[in-house]
Amino acid sequence: MIGVIVNVITVLIGSCIGLLFKKGIPEKISKAAMTGLGACTLYIGISGSLSAENVLILIAAIVLGAIVGTLLDIDGAINTLAGKVEARFKKDGETISLAEGLVTATLLFCVGSMTVTGSIQAGLTGDNSILITKATLDLVSSMMLASSLGVGVLLASVSVFVIQGGLVLLAGLLAPFMSTGAIQEMTCAGSLLIIMIGTNLMGITKIKVADFLPAILFAPVIYNLVPLFEQLLNLFA
């Protein structure tokens, strides 16, 4: 868990530095920075979305994820919880909600091959090199995100601890199912959600991205089920 703890600490430090910078940024500059951040987020999402091997898996994961997420009202639940904290921290005139900052930072910090591969490697072998490398990158990212998105980025450190820590602890069980292909499909699904966040930050859309979060879990599951379906089809062919 050393790599996970280091990653959490770097997110906390980076977020605190970003929040200090945020206090001195005029609203006009803050809006311009938000547009730039949205454009960069779009680039990150598009780059990651090109990793998929089977577009049908991606479509199935996104559709199923949207259905389940909407039925569970994940976005509503996150906003309700965030609202209680937001009332304490949000300043007059701020347009970015704590929930938006939390979901945005969580996806950017926790979606990707470095998160999954690094956590499983740390859990199986004790090698934290990938997670520590990721922690260094997240230090810089959290500074930039917090300066634009506020305290929600700081709270994303909890998400990093829970998600990466869970992967480390369950590495032995998850490793057989998290092949390179499964990780790629998972990364692609998460990257599409990051694209949605990018368009939200730029003011183009108002998508409830949190409702699509189950898609990230569905992607590797469907990937591993495809060979079974193919075997069944061959039996009846």
Protein backbone atom coordinates (compact mmCIF):
# COMPACT_ATOMS: atom_id res chain seq x y z
CA MET A 1 0.00 0.00 0.00
CA ILE A 2 3.05 2.29 0.07
CA GLY A 3 2.49 3.40 -3.53
CA VAL A 4 -1.18 4.15 -2.83
CA ILE A 5 -0.35 6.21 0.26
CA VAL A 6 2.30 8.16 -1.65
CA ASN A 7 -0.23 8.85 -4.43
CA VAL A 8 -2.83 10.07 -1.91
CA ILE A 9 -0.26 12.38 -0.29
CA THR A 10 0.80 13.88 -3.63
CA VAL A 11 -2.85 14.57 -4.54
CA LEU A 12 -3.40 16.25 -1.17
CA ILE A 13 -0.27 18.39 -1.49
CA GLY A 14 -0.95 19.31 -5.12
CA SER A 15 -4.58 20.16 -4.37
CA CYS A 16 -3.65 22.40 -1.43
CA ILE A 17 -1.14 24.29 -3.59
CA GLY A 18 -3.75 24.63 -6.35
CA LEU A 19 -6.35 25.95 -3.89
CA LEU A 20 -3.90 28.59 -2.67
CA PHE A 21 -3.35 29.76 -6.26
CA LYS A 22 -7.10 29.74 -6.88
CA LYS A 23 -7.68 32.44 -4.26
CA GLY A 24 -5.68 34.98 -6.22
CA ILE A 25 -7.07 34.25 -9.70
CA PRO A 26 -9.57 36.83 -11.10
CA GLU A 27 -12.88 35.43 -12.40
CA LYS A 28 -12.09 36.39 -16.03
CA ILE A 29 -8.83 34.45 -15.97
CA SER A 30 -10.48 31.57 -14.10
CA LYS A 31 -13.08 31.16 -16.86
CA ALA A 32 -10.39 31.22 -19.54
CA ALA A 33 -8.40 28.63 -17.60
CA MET A 34 -11.52 26.47 -17.31
CA THR A 35 -11.96 26.48 -21.09
CA GLY A 36 -8.32 25.54 -21.52
CA LEU A 37 -8.65 22.78 -18.95
CA GLY A 38 -11.70 21.48 -20.78
CA ALA A 39 -9.78 21.37 -24.06
CA CYS A 40 -6.89 19.50 -22.42
CA THR A 41 -9.37 17.08 -20.83
CA LEU A 42 -10.88 16.43 -24.25
CA TYR A 43 -7.42 15.63 -25.60
CA ILE A 44 -6.73 13.22 -22.73
CA GLY A 45 -10.08 11.51 -23.28
CA ILE A 46 -9.69 11.21 -27.04
CA SER A 47 -6.16 9.82 -26.68
CA GLY A 48 -7.30 7.16 -24.23
CA SER A 49 -10.42 6.24 -26.19
CA LEU A 50 -8.32 5.03 -29.12
CA SER A 51 -7.08 2.04 -27.10
CA ALA A 52 -10.19 -0.11 -27.62
CA GLU A 53 -9.91 -3.32 -29.65
CA ASN A 54 -13.63 -4.00 -30.02
CA VAL A 55 -16.04 -1.10 -30.42
CA LEU A 56 -19.03 -3.35 -29.68
CA ILE A 57 -17.69 -3.98 -26.18
CA LEU A 58 -17.37 -0.23 -25.69
CA ILE A 59 -20.93 0.40 -26.89
CA ALA A 60 -22.36 -2.34 -24.67
CA ALA A 61 -20.42 -1.09 -21.63
CA ILE A 62 -21.51 2.54 -22.11
CA VAL A 63 -25.18 1.65 -22.67
CA LEU A 64 -25.35 -0.77 -19.74
CA GLY A 65 -23.41 1.64 -17.56
CA ALA A 66 -25.77 4.49 -18.40
CA ILE A 67 -28.84 2.36 -17.65
CA VAL A 68 -27.54 1.09 -14.31
CA GLY A 69 -26.10 4.46 -13.30
CA THR A 70 -29.33 6.27 -14.09
CA LEU A 71 -31.46 3.72 -12.24
CA LEU A 72 -29.18 4.04 -9.20
CA ASP A 73 -29.08 7.83 -9.65
CA ILE A 74 -25.36 7.93 -8.89
CA ASP A 75 -25.13 11.57 -9.96
CA GLY A 76 -27.93 12.53 -7.58
CA ALA A 77 -26.36 10.64 -4.69
CA ILE A 78 -22.95 12.25 -5.23
CA ASN A 79 -24.48 15.72 -5.52
CA THR A 80 -26.52 15.21 -2.35
CA LEU A 81 -23.45 14.21 -0.35
CA ALA A 82 -21.30 16.88 -1.95
CA GLY A 83 -23.94 19.53 -1.31
CA LYS A 84 -23.52 19.16 2.45
CA VAL A 85 -19.79 19.78 2.19
CA GLU A 86 -20.21 22.36 -0.56
CA ALA A 87 -22.36 24.60 1.63
CA ARG A 88 -19.34 25.02 3.87
CA PHE A 89 -16.61 25.54 1.30
CA LYS A 90 -18.22 27.07 -1.79
CA LYS A 91 -17.87 30.82 -2.19
CA ASP A 92 -20.37 33.20 -3.76
CA GLY A 93 -19.95 33.46 -7.51
CA GLU A 94 -18.36 30.06 -8.01
CA THR A 95 -19.89 28.12 -10.89
CA ILE A 96 -18.12 24.79 -10.44
CA SER A 97 -19.75 22.44 -7.95
CA LEU A 98 -17.81 20.34 -5.49
CA ALA A 99 -19.36 17.23 -7.06
CA GLU A 100 -18.09 18.21 -10.51
CA GLY A 101 -14.59 18.70 -9.19
CA LEU A 102 -14.73 15.40 -7.32
CA VAL A 103 -15.97 13.34 -10.29
CA THR A 104 -13.61 15.05 -12.75
CA ALA A 105 -10.53 14.53 -10.59
CA THR A 106 -11.50 10.96 -9.67
CA LEU A 107 -11.78 9.95 -13.31
CA LEU A 108 -8.56 11.67 -14.31
CA PHE A 109 -6.63 10.18 -11.39
CA CYS A 110 -8.13 6.68 -11.37
CA VAL A 111 -8.95 5.79 -14.99
CA GLY A 112 -6.07 4.42 -17.00
CA SER A 113 -3.67 1.56 -17.38
CA MET A 114 -1.20 2.97 -14.84
CA THR A 115 -3.82 2.79 -12.09
CA VAL A 116 -4.87 -0.80 -12.80
CA THR A 117 -1.49 -2.21 -13.80
CA GLY A 118 0.38 -0.39 -11.04
CA SER A 119 -2.07 -1.40 -8.32
CA ILE A 120 -2.15 -5.07 -9.34
CA GLN A 121 1.64 -5.14 -9.64
CA ALA A 122 1.97 -3.62 -6.17
CA GLY A 123 -0.48 -6.13 -4.74
CA LEU A 124 1.13 -9.18 -6.32
CA THR A 125 4.84 -8.37 -6.13
CA GLY A 126 5.16 -5.39 -3.80
CA ASP A 127 6.66 -3.32 -6.63
CA ASN A 128 5.28 0.23 -6.26
CA SER A 129 7.33 1.82 -9.06
CA ILE A 130 4.38 2.43 -11.41
CA LEU A 131 2.20 3.91 -8.66
CA ILE A 132 4.99 6.20 -7.48
CA THR A 133 5.55 7.38 -11.06
CA LYS A 134 1.81 8.02 -11.32
CA ALA A 135 1.90 9.88 -8.00
CA THR A 136 4.47 12.29 -9.43
CA LEU A 137 2.23 12.99 -12.42
CA ASP A 138 -0.83 13.41 -10.17
CA LEU A 139 1.05 15.98 -8.05
CA VAL A 140 1.23 18.32 -11.03
CA SER A 141 -2.27 17.44 -12.30
CA SER A 142 -3.91 18.04 -8.92
CA MET A 143 -2.34 21.52 -8.69
CA MET A 144 -3.79 22.53 -12.06
CA LEU A 145 -7.17 20.91 -11.42
CA ALA A 146 -7.63 22.35 -7.93
CA SER A 147 -6.78 25.86 -9.12
CA SER A 148 -9.77 25.63 -11.50
CA LEU A 149 -12.17 23.09 -9.95
CA GLY A 150 -11.72 23.80 -6.27
CA VAL A 151 -11.93 21.64 -3.16
CA GLY A 152 -13.59 18.72 -4.97
CA VAL A 153 -10.14 17.80 -6.31
CA LEU A 154 -8.82 17.59 -2.76
CA LEU A 155 -11.61 15.18 -1.82
CA ALA A 156 -10.67 13.00 -4.81
CA SER A 157 -7.74 11.83 -2.70
CA VAL A 158 -10.27 9.64 -0.89
CA SER A 159 -11.29 8.10 -4.22
CA VAL A 160 -7.64 7.42 -5.04
CA PHE A 161 -7.17 5.66 -1.71
CA VAL A 162 -10.34 3.56 -2.02
CA ILE A 163 -9.98 2.60 -5.69
CA GLN A 164 -6.24 1.98 -5.83
CA GLY A 165 -6.16 0.50 -2.36
CA GLY A 166 -8.98 -1.87 -3.29
CA LEU A 167 -7.15 -2.97 -6.43
CA VAL A 168 -3.98 -3.63 -4.43
CA LEU A 169 -5.82 -5.71 -1.81
CA LEU A 170 -7.79 -7.66 -4.44
CA ALA A 171 -4.88 -8.01 -6.87
CA GLY A 172 -4.71 -11.79 -6.50
CA LEU A 173 -8.39 -12.19 -7.39
CA LEU A 174 -8.46 -9.58 -10.18
CA ALA A 175 -5.20 -10.37 -11.97
CA PRO A 176 -6.55 -13.34 -14.03
CA PHE A 177 -9.38 -11.16 -15.37
CA MET A 178 -7.40 -7.97 -16.00
CA SER A 179 -5.48 -8.90 -19.13
CA THR A 180 -4.00 -6.24 -21.38
CA GLY A 181 -7.13 -6.32 -23.53
CA ALA A 182 -9.46 -5.95 -20.54
CA ILE A 183 -7.47 -2.99 -19.24
CA GLN A 184 -7.57 -1.37 -22.68
CA GLU A 185 -11.36 -1.69 -22.89
CA MET A 186 -11.69 -0.33 -19.35
CA THR A 187 -9.42 2.59 -20.20
CA CYS A 188 -11.39 3.32 -23.35
CA ALA A 189 -14.73 3.39 -21.52
CA GLY A 190 -13.28 5.68 -18.86
CA SER A 191 -11.77 7.92 -21.52
CA LEU A 192 -15.17 8.45 -23.11
CA LEU A 193 -16.40 9.67 -19.74
CA ILE A 194 -13.41 12.02 -19.62
CA ILE A 195 -14.46 13.38 -23.03
CA MET A 196 -17.90 14.07 -21.57
CA ILE A 197 -16.25 15.94 -18.70
CA GLY A 198 -14.22 17.97 -21.18
CA THR A 199 -17.34 19.13 -23.03
CA ASN A 200 -18.99 19.96 -19.69
CA LEU A 201 -16.02 22.07 -18.58
CA MET A 202 -16.14 23.97 -21.88
CA GLY A 203 -19.85 24.65 -21.41
CA ILE A 204 -20.84 22.65 -24.49
CA THR A 205 -22.87 20.01 -22.62
CA LYS A 206 -24.34 19.31 -19.19
CA ILE A 207 -23.97 15.54 -19.06
CA LYS A 208 -24.45 13.72 -15.76
CA VAL A 209 -21.12 11.93 -16.09
CA ALA A 210 -21.40 10.17 -12.73
CA ASP A 211 -24.36 8.17 -14.05
CA PHE A 212 -22.03 6.58 -16.61
CA LEU A 213 -19.45 5.38 -14.05
CA PRO A 214 -20.66 1.72 -14.07
CA ALA A 215 -19.50 1.52 -17.70
CA ILE A 216 -15.90 1.37 -16.43
CA LEU A 217 -16.74 -1.84 -14.55
CA PHE A 218 -18.83 -3.33 -17.35
CA ALA A 219 -16.04 -2.99 -19.95
CA PRO A 220 -13.61 -5.62 -18.55
CA VAL A 221 -16.50 -7.90 -17.54
CA ILE A 222 -17.93 -7.91 -21.07
CA TYR A 223 -14.43 -8.38 -22.51
CA ASN A 224 -14.00 -11.56 -20.47
CA LEU A 225 -17.48 -12.82 -21.35
CA VAL A 226 -17.03 -12.46 -25.12
CA PRO A 227 -14.92 -15.66 -25.51
CA LEU A 228 -17.59 -17.61 -23.60
CA PHE A 229 -20.32 -16.36 -25.93
CA GLU A 230 -18.17 -17.24 -28.94
CA GLN A 231 -17.71 -20.79 -27.61
CA LEU A 232 -21.46 -21.14 -27.11
CA LEU A 233 -22.13 -19.92 -30.63
CA ASN A 234 -19.62 -22.44 -32.01
CA LEU A 235 -21.38 -25.26 -30.17
CA PHE A 236 -24.71 -24.40 -31.80
CA ALA A 237 -23.22 -23.58 -35.20
